[in-house]
C-alpha atoms as a PDB file:
ATOM      1  CA  MET A   1      95.524  87.621 128.351  1.00  0.00           C
ATOM      2  CA  ALA A   2      98.138  85.900 130.480  1.00  0.00           C
ATOM      3  CA  MET A   3      97.358  83.212 133.046  1.00  0.00           C
ATOM      4  CA  PHE A   4      98.592  79.977 134.571  1.00  0.00           C
ATOM      5  CA  ARG A   5      96.614  76.867 135.424  1.00  0.00           C
ATOM      6  CA  VAL A   6      97.000  75.388 138.899  1.00  0.00           C
ATOM      7  CA  ARG A   7      97.080  71.627 139.267  1.00  0.00           C
ATOM      8  CA  SER A   8      95.631  70.435 142.548  1.00  0.00           C
ATOM      9  CA  PHE A   9      97.965  67.404 142.688  1.00  0.00           C
ATOM     10  CA  GLY A  10     101.639  68.270 143.109  1.00  0.00           C
ATOM     11  CA  PHE A  11     100.873  71.996 142.834  1.00  0.00           C
ATOM     12  CA  ALA A  12     102.457  72.292 139.390  1.00  0.00           C
ATOM     13  CA  PHE A  13     101.623  75.316 137.291  1.00  0.00           C
ATOM     14  CA  LEU A  14     101.153  74.938 133.536  1.00  0.00           C
ATOM     15  CA  ALA A  15     100.859  77.766 131.023  1.00  0.00           C
ATOM     16  CA  ALA A  16      97.337  78.135 129.669  1.00  0.00           C
ATOM     17  CA  ALA A  17      95.283  80.599 127.664  1.00  0.00           C
ATOM     18  CA  GLY A  18      91.689  81.513 128.473  1.00  0.00           C
ATOM     19  CA  MET A  19      88.929  84.013 128.024  1.00  0.00           C
ATOM     20  CA  LEU A  20      87.689  86.695 130.441  1.00  0.00           C
ATOM     21  CA  ALA A  21      84.703  85.463 132.419  1.00  0.00           C
ATOM     22  CA  SER A  22      82.404  86.962 135.017  1.00  0.00           C
ATOM     23  CA  LEU A  23      81.252  84.500 137.659  1.00  0.00           C
ATOM     24  CA  GLY A  24      79.553  84.611 141.066  1.00  0.00           C
ATOM     25  CA  ALA A  25      80.740  86.937 143.817  1.00  0.00           C
ATOM     26  CA  ALA A  26      84.041  86.165 145.530  1.00  0.00           C
ATOM     27  CA  ALA A  27      84.005  86.815 149.221  1.00  0.00           C
ATOM     28  CA  GLN A  28      85.600  85.457 152.363  1.00  0.00           C
ATOM     29  CA  VAL A  29      86.356  81.735 152.275  1.00  0.00           C
ATOM     30  CA  TYR A  30      85.307  79.441 155.114  1.00  0.00           C
ATOM     31  CA  ARG A  31      87.042  76.089 155.522  1.00  0.00           C
ATOM     32  CA  ILE A  32      84.655  73.997 157.599  1.00  0.00           C
ATOM     33  CA  VAL A  33      85.842  70.781 159.248  1.00  0.00           C
ATOM     34  CA  GLY A  34      82.849  68.855 160.549  1.00  0.00           C
ATOM     35  CA  PRO A  35      82.845  66.444 163.516  1.00  0.00           C
ATOM     36  CA  ASP A  36      83.245  63.552 161.077  1.00  0.00           C
ATOM     37  CA  GLY A  37      86.406  65.148 159.674  1.00  0.00           C
ATOM     38  CA  LYS A  38      84.781  66.056 156.355  1.00  0.00           C
ATOM     39  CA  VAL A  39      86.111  69.321 154.922  1.00  0.00           C
ATOM     40  CA  THR A  40      83.873  71.689 152.967  1.00  0.00           C
ATOM     41  CA  PHE A  41      84.337  75.198 151.585  1.00  0.00           C
ATOM     42  CA  SER A  42      81.758  77.946 151.601  1.00  0.00           C
ATOM     43  CA  ASP A  43      81.470  81.711 151.277  1.00  0.00           C
ATOM     44  CA  LYS A  44      78.773  81.641 153.987  1.00  0.00           C
ATOM     45  CA  PRO A  45      79.479  81.173 157.709  1.00  0.00           C
ATOM     46  CA  PRO A  46      78.240  77.949 159.317  1.00  0.00           C
ATOM     47  CA  ALA A  47      75.629  78.066 162.072  1.00  0.00           C
ATOM     48  CA  ASP A  48      77.069  75.014 163.890  1.00  0.00           C
ATOM     49  CA  ASN A  49      79.568  75.913 166.603  1.00  0.00           C
ATOM     50  CA  GLN A  50      81.260  72.529 166.155  1.00  0.00           C
ATOM     51  CA  ALA A  51      82.391  73.526 162.657  1.00  0.00           C
ATOM     52  CA  ARG A  52      84.865  76.332 163.161  1.00  0.00           C
ATOM     53  CA  PRO A  53      85.398  78.497 160.068  1.00  0.00           C
ATOM     54  CA  THR A  54      88.660  80.113 159.159  1.00  0.00           C
ATOM     55  CA  ILE A  55      88.120  83.362 157.326  1.00  0.00           C
ATOM     56  CA  ALA A  56      90.573  84.699 154.792  1.00  0.00           C
ATOM     57  CA  PRO A  57      90.630  88.390 155.752  1.00  0.00           C
ATOM     58  CA  SER A  58      90.177  91.164 153.239  1.00  0.00           C
ATOM     59  CA  VAL A  59      92.475  94.138 152.794  1.00  0.00           C
ATOM     60  CA  ALA A  60      92.963  96.076 156.005  1.00  0.00           C
ATOM     61  CA  MET A  61      93.754  99.742 155.536  1.00  0.00           C
ATOM     62  CA  PRO A  62      96.155 101.571 157.857  1.00  0.00           C
ATOM     63  CA  GLY A  63      94.520 102.963 160.951  1.00  0.00           C
ATOM     64  CA  ALA A  64      91.306 100.983 160.505  1.00  0.00           C
ATOM     65  CA  GLY A  65      90.110  97.813 162.148  1.00  0.00           C
ATOM     66  CA  ALA A  66      87.497  96.891 159.538  1.00  0.00           C
ATOM     67  CA  PRO A  67      88.480  95.540 156.112  1.00  0.00           C
ATOM     68  CA  ALA A  68      88.747  98.186 153.422  1.00  0.00           C
ATOM     69  CA  ALA A  69      87.815 100.958 155.850  1.00  0.00           C
ATOM     70  CA  GLY A  70      90.518 103.089 154.230  1.00  0.00           C
ATOM     71  CA  GLY A  71      91.836 105.060 157.183  1.00  0.00           C
ATOM     72  CA  GLY A  72      94.565 107.464 156.062  1.00  0.00           C
ATOM     73  CA  LEU A  73      93.777 107.150 152.349  1.00  0.00           C
ATOM     74  CA  PRO A  74      92.627 110.013 150.091  1.00  0.00           C
ATOM     75  CA  PHE A  75      88.851 110.278 149.826  1.00  0.00           C
ATOM     76  CA  GLU A  76      88.524 109.033 146.218  1.00  0.00           C
ATOM     77  CA  LEU A  77      90.705 105.992 146.843  1.00  0.00           C
ATOM     78  CA  ARG A  78      89.111 105.264 150.219  1.00  0.00           C
ATOM     79  CA  THR A  79      85.646 105.369 148.659  1.00  0.00           C
ATOM     80  CA  ALA A  80      86.538 102.999 145.809  1.00  0.00           C
ATOM     81  CA  ALA A  81      88.348 100.563 148.124  1.00  0.00           C
ATOM     82  CA  GLY A  82      85.423 100.576 150.541  1.00  0.00           C
ATOM     83  CA  LYS A  83      82.855  99.797 147.845  1.00  0.00           C
ATOM     84  CA  TYR A  84      84.923  97.536 145.604  1.00  0.00           C
ATOM     85  CA  PRO A  85      87.867  95.966 147.485  1.00  0.00           C
ATOM     86  CA  VAL A  86      90.457  94.277 145.299  1.00  0.00           C
ATOM     87  CA  THR A  87      91.815  90.756 145.875  1.00  0.00           C
ATOM     88  CA  LEU A  88      94.520  89.143 143.740  1.00  0.00           C
ATOM     89  CA  TYR A  89      94.832  85.329 143.677  1.00  0.00           C
ATOM     90  CA  THR A  90      98.290  84.042 142.718  1.00  0.00           C
ATOM     91  CA  GLY A  91     100.354  80.863 142.693  1.00  0.00           C
ATOM     92  CA  GLU A  92     104.007  79.850 142.952  1.00  0.00           C
ATOM     93  CA  GLY A  93     105.735  79.781 139.591  1.00  0.00           C
ATOM     94  CA  CYS A  94     103.026  81.928 137.984  1.00  0.00           C
ATOM     95  CA  GLY A  95     104.838  84.156 135.480  1.00  0.00           C
ATOM     96  CA  PRO A  96     101.867  86.465 134.700  1.00  0.00           C
ATOM     97  CA  CYS A  97     101.342  87.100 138.431  1.00  0.00           C
ATOM     98  CA  THR A  98     104.447  89.313 138.584  1.00  0.00           C
ATOM     99  CA  PRO A  99     103.276  91.900 136.018  1.00  0.00           C
ATOM    100  CA  ALA A 100      99.822  91.706 137.607  1.00  0.00           C
ATOM    101  CA  ARG A 101     101.284  92.766 140.971  1.00  0.00           C
ATOM    102  CA  ASP A 102     103.425  95.415 139.296  1.00  0.00           C
ATOM    103  CA  PHE A 103     100.404  96.877 137.547  1.00  0.00           C
ATOM    104  CA  LEU A 104      98.358  97.129 140.752  1.00  0.00           C
ATOM    105  CA  ALA A 105     101.333  98.717 142.521  1.00  0.00           C
ATOM    106  CA  SER A 106     101.947 101.269 139.763  1.00  0.00           C
ATOM    107  CA  ARG A 107      98.252 102.119 139.683  1.00  0.00           C
ATOM    108  CA  GLY A 108      98.282 102.598 143.461  1.00  0.00           C
ATOM    109  CA  ILE A 109      95.607  99.976 144.174  1.00  0.00           C
ATOM    110  CA  PRO A 110      95.349  98.743 147.790  1.00  0.00           C
ATOM    111  CA  TYR A 111      94.734  95.015 147.521  1.00  0.00           C
ATOM    112  CA  THR A 112      94.878  91.694 149.345  1.00  0.00           C
ATOM    113  CA  GLU A 113      96.895  88.827 147.840  1.00  0.00           C
ATOM    114  CA  ARG A 114      95.745  85.244 148.305  1.00  0.00           C
ATOM    115  CA  THR A 115      98.082  82.408 147.333  1.00  0.00           C
ATOM    116  CA  VAL A 116      97.500  78.804 146.241  1.00  0.00           C
ATOM    117  CA  ASN A 117      99.843  76.738 148.410  1.00  0.00           C
ATOM    118  CA  SER A 118      97.944  73.487 148.901  1.00  0.00           C
ATOM    119  CA  ASN A 119      95.264  71.227 147.501  1.00  0.00           C
ATOM    120  CA  GLU A 120      92.791  72.906 149.824  1.00  0.00           C
ATOM    121  CA  ASP A 121      93.725  76.331 148.431  1.00  0.00           C
ATOM    122  CA  ALA A 122      93.241  74.941 144.928  1.00  0.00           C
ATOM    123  CA  ALA A 123      89.818  73.569 145.885  1.00  0.00           C
ATOM    124  CA  ALA A 124      88.820  76.921 147.351  1.00  0.00           C
ATOM    125  CA  LEU A 125      89.999  78.745 144.224  1.00  0.00           C
ATOM    126  CA  ARG A 126      87.986  76.414 142.026  1.00  0.00           C
ATOM    127  CA  LYS A 127      84.895  77.029 144.162  1.00  0.00           C
ATOM    128  CA  LEU A 128      85.327  80.787 143.897  1.00  0.00           C
ATOM    129  CA  SER A 129      86.292  81.091 140.241  1.00  0.00           C
ATOM    130  CA  GLY A 130      85.115  77.861 138.659  1.00  0.00           C
ATOM    131  CA  ASP A 131      88.664  77.254 137.430  1.00  0.00           C
ATOM    132  CA  LEU A 132      92.252  76.802 138.591  1.00  0.00           C
ATOM    133  CA  ARG A 133      93.825  79.631 136.631  1.00  0.00           C
ATOM    134  CA  VAL A 134      95.907  82.425 138.114  1.00  0.00           C
ATOM    135  CA  PRO A 135      96.202  85.335 138.294  1.00  0.00           C
ATOM    136  CA  PHE A 136      92.566  85.745 139.253  1.00  0.00           C
ATOM    137  CA  LEU A 137      91.335  89.201 140.292  1.00  0.00           C
ATOM    138  CA  THR A 138      88.208  90.314 142.099  1.00  0.00           C
ATOM    139  CA  ILE A 139      87.031  93.938 142.208  1.00  0.00           C
ATOM    140  CA  GLY A 140      84.039  93.901 144.508  1.00  0.00           C
ATOM    141  CA  SER A 141      81.960  91.054 143.117  1.00  0.00           C
ATOM    142  CA  GLN A 142      83.419  91.361 139.609  1.00  0.00           C
ATOM    143  CA  GLN A 143      85.768  88.513 138.731  1.00  0.00           C
ATOM    144  CA  LEU A 144      88.513  88.607 136.107  1.00  0.00           C
ATOM    145  CA  ARG A 145      90.544  85.622 134.941  1.00  0.00           C
ATOM    146  CA  GLY A 146      94.073  86.151 133.722  1.00  0.00           C
ATOM    147  CA  TYR A 147      96.101  89.335 133.523  1.00  0.00           C
ATOM    148  CA  SER A 148      95.233  91.930 130.906  1.00  0.00           C
ATOM    149  CA  GLU A 149      96.287  95.506 131.610  1.00  0.00           C
ATOM    150  CA  THR A 150      93.651  96.875 129.234  1.00  0.00           C
ATOM    151  CA  GLU A 151      90.780  94.956 130.835  1.00  0.00           C
ATOM    152  CA  TRP A 152      91.937  95.502 134.410  1.00  0.00           C
ATOM    153  CA  THR A 153      92.277  99.227 133.694  1.00  0.00           C
ATOM    154  CA  GLN A 154      88.723  99.328 132.342  1.00  0.00           C
ATOM    155  CA  TYR A 155      87.251  97.670 135.407  1.00  0.00           C
ATOM    156  CA  LEU A 156      89.279  99.691 137.916  1.00  0.00           C
ATOM    157  CA  ASP A 157      88.254 102.909 136.146  1.00  0.00           C
ATOM    158  CA  ALA A 158      84.610 101.837 136.271  1.00  0.00           C
ATOM    159  CA  ALA A 159      84.937 101.090 139.996  1.00  0.00           C
ATOM    160  CA  GLY A 160      86.117 104.642 140.610  1.00  0.00           C
ATOM    161  CA  TYR A 161      89.761 104.004 141.426  1.00  0.00           C
ATOM    162  CA  PRO A 162      92.055 106.978 140.669  1.00  0.00           C
ATOM    163  CA  LYS A 163      93.879 106.683 137.355  1.00  0.00           C
ATOM    164  CA  THR A 164      97.202 107.526 139.012  1.00  0.00           C
ATOM    165  CA  SER A 165      98.523 106.396 142.376  1.00  0.00           C
ATOM    166  CA  GLN A 166      97.298 108.320 145.416  1.00  0.00           C
ATOM    167  CA  LEU A 167      98.651 105.872 147.992  1.00  0.00           C
ATOM    168  CA  PRO A 168     100.575 107.473 150.854  1.00  0.00           C
ATOM    169  CA  PRO A 169     104.324 106.666 150.700  1.00  0.00           C
ATOM    170  CA  SER A 170     104.058 104.774 153.984  1.00  0.00           C
ATOM    171  CA  TYR A 171     101.231 102.487 152.838  1.00  0.00           C
ATOM    172  CA  ARG A 172     101.927  98.756 152.658  1.00  0.00           C
ATOM    173  CA  ASN A 173      99.553  96.059 151.477  1.00  0.00           C
ATOM    174  CA  PRO A 174      99.010  93.124 153.842  1.00  0.00           C
ATOM    175  CA  PRO A 175     101.518  90.288 153.238  1.00  0.00           C
ATOM    176  CA  PRO A 176     100.332  87.495 150.906  1.00  0.00           C
ATOM    177  CA  ALA A 177      98.491  84.691 152.686  1.00  0.00           C
ATOM    178  CA  PRO A 178      97.050  81.304 151.633  1.00  0.00           C
ATOM    179  CA  ILE A 179      93.405  81.249 150.607  1.00  0.00           C
ATOM    180  CA  VAL A 180      92.632  78.743 153.356  1.00  0.00           C
ATOM    181  CA  ALA A 181      94.192  78.654 156.813  1.00  0.00           C
ATOM    182  CA  GLN A 182      93.687  75.214 158.336  1.00  0.00           C
ATOM    183  CA  GLN A 183      91.870  74.933 161.630  1.00  0.00           C
ATOM    184  CA  GLN A 184      90.349  71.788 163.084  1.00  0.00           C
ATOM    185  CA  ALA A 185      86.905  71.525 164.634  1.00  0.00           C
ATOM    186  CA  LYS A 186      86.624  71.042 168.395  1.00  0.00           C
ATOM    187  CA  PRO A 187      86.487  67.361 169.415  1.00  0.00           C
ATOM    188  CA  GLN A 188      83.034  66.126 170.234  1.00  0.00           C
ATOM    189  CA  ALA A 189      82.350  65.133 173.844  1.00  0.00           C
ATOM    190  CA  PRO A 190      82.136  61.335 174.415  1.00  0.00           C
ATOM    191  CA  GLY A 191      78.577  60.055 174.166  1.00  0.00           C
ATOM    192  CA  ALA A 192      77.270  63.281 172.699  1.00  0.00           C
ATOM    193  CA  ALA A 193      74.913  63.014 169.778  1.00  0.00           C
ATOM    194  CA  ALA A 194      76.354  64.004 166.446  1.00  0.00           C
ATOM    195  CA  PRO A 195      75.208  67.537 165.579  1.00  0.00           C
ATOM    196  CA  ALA A 196      73.076  68.114 162.561  1.00  0.00           C
ATOM    197  CA  ALA A 197      74.785  69.441 159.448  1.00  0.00           C
ATOM    198  CA  ALA A 198      75.555  73.110 159.681  1.00  0.00           C
ATOM    199  CA  GLN A 199      72.700  75.154 158.312  1.00  0.00           C
ATOM    200  CA  GLN A 200      73.881  78.125 156.325  1.00  0.00           C
ATOM    201  CA  ALA A 201      71.685  81.161 155.958  1.00  0.00           C
ATOM    202  CA  PRO A 202      71.660  82.486 152.398  1.00  0.00           C
ATOM    203  CA  VAL A 203      73.605  85.660 151.854  1.00  0.00           C
ATOM    204  CA  GLN A 204      72.257  87.878 149.134  1.00  0.00           C
ATOM    205  CA  GLN A 205      74.730  89.862 147.104  1.00  0.00           C
ATOM    206  CA  PRO A 206      73.659  93.392 146.190  1.00  0.00           C
ATOM    207  CA  SER A 207      72.577  93.887 142.602  1.00  0.00           C
ATOM    208  CA  LEU A 208      74.117  97.051 141.199  1.00  0.00           C
ATOM    209  CA  GLU A 209      73.621  98.692 137.840  1.00  0.00           C
ATOM    210  CA  PRO A 210      76.622  98.595 135.496  1.00  0.00           C
ATOM    211  CA  THR A 211      78.879 101.644 135.777  1.00  0.00           C
ATOM    212  CA  ALA A 212      80.170 101.114 132.248  1.00  0.00           C
ATOM    213  CA  PRO A 213      78.977  98.969 129.310  1.00  0.00           C
ATOM    214  CA  GLY A 214      79.380  95.303 130.137  1.00  0.00           C
ATOM    215  CA  ILE A 215      80.758  95.941 133.629  1.00  0.00           C
ATOM    216  CA  ARG A 216      79.059  94.951 136.875  1.00  0.00           C
ATOM    217  CA  PHE A 217      80.312  94.971 140.443  1.00  0.00           C
END
């Protein structure tokens, strides 16, 4: 399995080896800047209007406003992308990220690419994956560290993606974007009381039965 480790200071990338691991669900990332300037990351939206989240959007299919809606895609591919959208996390100087992209392209997988360009991106990646290694792939809520064509093929097959490309010739994936887009909170009015910490309602991830031995989404 091929992967790189991201260093949060200086953004250097060092070669590393690791094992496949399944962690918690990866979803949209919220960068929350509170009135006191403290930055936190969460996969749940804040309730406090003073803490403005920036959401890293998921894959947007042609002709559809909602992520992974799949307008214009063949039925089998549209169904798989709607249930189990694919996101690839990469970093500058990551050698294994190139064959990872090539594999997804040759397989005809519509996906979103998120890049690690800053310390904040690195912090968000660590929160999502528990590590700083790229490439990092999510298929629905399934998480895969490092690039392995055999393992990625197994999981994509289990998710119902076609074994050969069915993407229309005109289809283009969204351009790569950083995991976190910075956005400051609105300044607090003079004399106003400091708002309470943003309360975040729990978001329950659906529990699905494995579609193949050892595979969950």
